[in-house]
Amino acid sequence: MGAVAEHIARHPQSLRHVEWRDLERALREVFEGLGFDTILTRSGKDGGFDLRLEYGEFSRRQVFLVEVKHWLPSGQKPGEKVVSALVDVVARAGDDATGLILSSSGFTQEVMRGRAEVEQHSVRIAGQQKIVSLCQEYVRSSKGIWAPARELGDMILTDTW
């Protein structure tokens, strides 16, 4: 899956041809390579998220619940139902959890207009460019030319809404 992430990093347009479960697996590899402890949930009955990321800094564990929507080939975009579902999951997970929806196809206009409400519930959203930039950071990290300038929690939320 590292090779898939590297290919996306070098050729962002290739994201369109990646199968949805392979993208989830590649992102698990990316996050693991960047320093997160990761769990990839089973497909289908994933409990409302695809990846559970954890890391500890300064004797504190931080948890990110990541939902990946790879609907680029179909042109569909996740809407408020997807965001609401993750908001509920994050609320049940507790105060130390933050949600992140990564969508290769962007989001509906309703979601974009309701960004402030989403942020209140510790759920952030990001599009295709964030997926590509994470893969690029993974490649730099795996080549030994990357060292985080900020903590992982800040890095994962940069360029999200």
Protein backbone atom coordinates (compact mmCIF):
# COMPACT_ATOMS: atom_id res chain seq x y z
CA MET A 1 0.00 0.00 0.00
CA GLY A 2 3.00 2.26 0.40
CA ALA A 3 3.48 2.04 -3.37
CA VAL A 4 -0.14 3.17 -3.91
CA ALA A 5 0.40 6.16 -1.60
CA GLU A 6 3.63 7.03 -3.37
CA HIS A 7 1.90 6.83 -6.76
CA ILE A 8 -0.87 9.17 -5.56
CA ALA A 9 1.76 11.56 -4.20
CA ARG A 10 3.57 11.70 -7.53
CA HIS A 11 0.51 11.52 -9.79
CA PRO A 12 -2.53 13.02 -8.02
CA GLN A 13 -4.76 12.35 -11.03
CA SER A 14 -4.25 8.61 -10.45
CA LEU A 15 -6.43 8.83 -7.34
CA ARG A 16 -9.43 8.40 -9.65
CA HIS A 17 -8.30 4.84 -10.49
CA VAL A 18 -7.69 3.63 -6.92
CA GLU A 19 -10.30 1.23 -5.58
CA TRP A 20 -12.04 2.55 -2.43
CA ARG A 21 -10.77 -0.15 -0.05
CA ASP A 22 -7.24 0.21 -1.43
CA LEU A 23 -7.41 3.95 -0.66
CA GLU A 24 -8.39 3.16 2.93
CA ARG A 25 -5.49 0.70 3.19
CA ALA A 26 -3.07 3.18 1.60
CA LEU A 27 -4.14 5.91 4.04
CA ARG A 28 -3.62 3.50 6.93
CA GLU A 29 -0.06 3.02 5.66
CA VAL A 30 0.36 6.80 5.30
CA PHE A 31 -0.80 7.55 8.84
CA GLU A 32 1.26 4.70 10.28
CA GLY A 33 4.31 5.99 8.41
CA LEU A 34 3.76 9.48 9.79
CA GLY A 35 3.78 8.21 13.37
CA PHE A 36 0.20 7.35 14.27
CA ASP A 37 -0.91 4.07 15.79
CA THR A 38 -3.61 2.98 13.36
CA ILE A 39 -6.49 0.56 13.15
CA LEU A 40 -8.31 -0.06 9.87
CA THR A 41 -11.89 -1.13 10.55
CA ARG A 42 -13.63 -3.95 8.71
CA SER A 43 -15.31 -2.89 5.50
CA GLY A 44 -19.04 -2.40 5.68
CA LYS A 45 -19.73 -2.57 9.41
CA ASP A 46 -17.06 -0.13 10.49
CA GLY A 47 -18.99 1.61 13.24
CA GLY A 48 -19.11 4.93 11.40
CA PHE A 49 -15.43 5.42 10.64
CA ASP A 50 -12.74 3.68 8.60
CA LEU A 51 -9.51 4.46 10.48
CA ARG A 52 -8.78 5.00 14.14
CA LEU A 53 -5.59 6.99 14.66
CA GLU A 54 -3.87 7.52 17.99
CA TYR A 55 -0.71 9.19 19.09
CA GLY A 56 0.68 10.33 22.35
CA GLU A 57 2.53 13.53 23.00
CA PHE A 58 3.37 15.04 26.34
CA SER A 59 1.77 12.10 28.20
CA ARG A 60 -1.57 12.67 26.48
CA ARG A 61 -3.24 10.39 23.92
CA GLN A 62 -5.13 11.96 21.07
CA VAL A 63 -7.62 10.02 18.94
CA PHE A 64 -8.76 10.74 15.40
CA LEU A 65 -11.65 8.85 13.80
CA VAL A 66 -11.30 9.11 10.03
CA GLU A 67 -14.07 8.42 7.53
CA VAL A 68 -12.85 8.04 3.94
CA LYS A 69 -15.28 8.69 1.11
CA HIS A 70 -13.82 7.79 -2.26
CA TRP A 71 -16.67 8.56 -4.59
CA LEU A 72 -14.53 10.37 -7.17
CA PRO A 73 -15.26 7.87 -9.97
CA SER A 74 -19.04 8.21 -9.48
CA GLY A 75 -19.08 11.98 -8.99
CA GLN A 76 -21.16 11.69 -5.80
CA LYS A 77 -20.34 13.91 -2.85
CA PRO A 78 -20.91 13.23 0.82
CA GLY A 79 -23.61 15.34 2.41
CA GLU A 80 -25.00 16.14 5.81
CA LYS A 81 -25.97 12.52 6.52
CA VAL A 82 -22.31 11.44 6.41
CA VAL A 83 -21.21 14.37 8.58
CA SER A 84 -24.02 13.82 11.11
CA ALA A 85 -23.15 10.13 11.40
CA LEU A 86 -19.51 10.94 12.20
CA VAL A 87 -20.54 13.68 14.64
CA ASP A 88 -22.56 11.06 16.55
CA VAL A 89 -19.63 8.60 16.55
CA VAL A 90 -17.19 11.26 17.79
CA ALA A 91 -19.61 12.33 20.53
CA ARG A 92 -19.84 8.72 21.76
CA ALA A 93 -16.04 8.32 21.61
CA GLY A 94 -15.44 11.04 24.21
CA ASP A 95 -13.60 14.31 24.66
CA ASP A 96 -10.25 13.13 23.36
CA ALA A 97 -11.62 12.22 19.90
CA THR A 98 -11.68 14.34 16.77
CA GLY A 99 -13.38 13.28 13.56
CA LEU A 100 -12.04 13.80 10.05
CA ILE A 101 -13.84 13.09 6.80
CA LEU A 102 -11.55 12.76 3.79
CA SER A 103 -13.49 12.88 0.52
CA SER A 104 -11.87 12.50 -2.87
CA SER A 105 -14.90 14.08 -4.55
CA GLY A 106 -15.45 17.10 -2.27
CA PHE A 107 -18.67 17.77 -0.39
CA THR A 108 -22.21 18.93 -1.11
CA GLN A 109 -23.00 22.64 -0.88
CA GLU A 110 -25.03 22.03 2.30
CA VAL A 111 -21.97 20.65 4.08
CA MET A 112 -19.80 23.52 2.89
CA ARG A 113 -22.33 26.08 4.15
CA GLY A 114 -22.57 24.32 7.52
CA ARG A 115 -18.81 24.17 8.21
CA ALA A 116 -19.06 26.23 11.41
CA GLU A 117 -21.57 23.78 12.86
CA VAL A 118 -19.34 20.84 11.92
CA GLU A 119 -16.33 22.43 13.64
CA GLN A 120 -18.32 22.80 16.88
CA HIS A 121 -18.64 19.02 17.03
CA SER A 122 -14.95 18.21 16.63
CA VAL A 123 -15.40 16.95 13.08
CA ARG A 124 -13.30 18.39 10.28
CA ILE A 125 -13.59 17.85 6.53
CA ALA A 126 -11.03 17.84 3.75
CA GLY A 127 -10.98 17.03 0.07
CA GLN A 128 -8.81 15.41 -2.53
CA GLN A 129 -5.90 17.82 -2.06
CA LYS A 130 -5.57 16.79 1.61
CA ILE A 131 -5.44 13.12 0.61
CA VAL A 132 -2.70 13.91 -1.90
CA SER A 133 -0.74 16.09 0.56
CA LEU A 134 -0.86 13.34 3.21
CA CYS A 135 0.55 10.90 0.66
CA GLN A 136 3.26 13.42 -0.24
CA GLU A 137 4.22 13.85 3.43
CA TYR A 138 4.36 10.06 3.74
CA VAL A 139 6.75 9.85 0.77
CA ARG A 140 9.01 12.53 2.25
CA SER A 141 8.94 10.72 5.58
CA SER A 142 9.75 7.33 4.08
CA LYS A 143 12.68 8.82 2.16
CA GLY A 144 14.07 10.30 5.38
CA ILE A 145 13.69 13.90 4.20
CA TRP A 146 10.79 14.85 6.44
CA ALA A 147 10.65 15.68 10.08
CA PRO A 148 7.45 17.04 11.56
CA ALA A 149 7.68 20.77 12.23
CA ARG A 150 4.60 20.56 14.42
CA GLU A 151 2.85 17.88 16.41
CA LEU A 152 0.90 15.22 14.53
CA GLY A 153 -2.47 16.51 15.71
CA ASP A 154 -1.81 19.90 14.15
CA MET A 155 -0.45 18.33 10.96
CA ILE A 156 -3.49 16.16 10.38
CA LEU A 157 -5.88 19.12 10.80
CA THR A 158 -3.94 21.59 8.62
CA ASP A 159 -5.92 22.51 5.49
CA THR A 160 -9.17 21.05 6.83
CA TRP A 161 -12.41 22.87 7.59
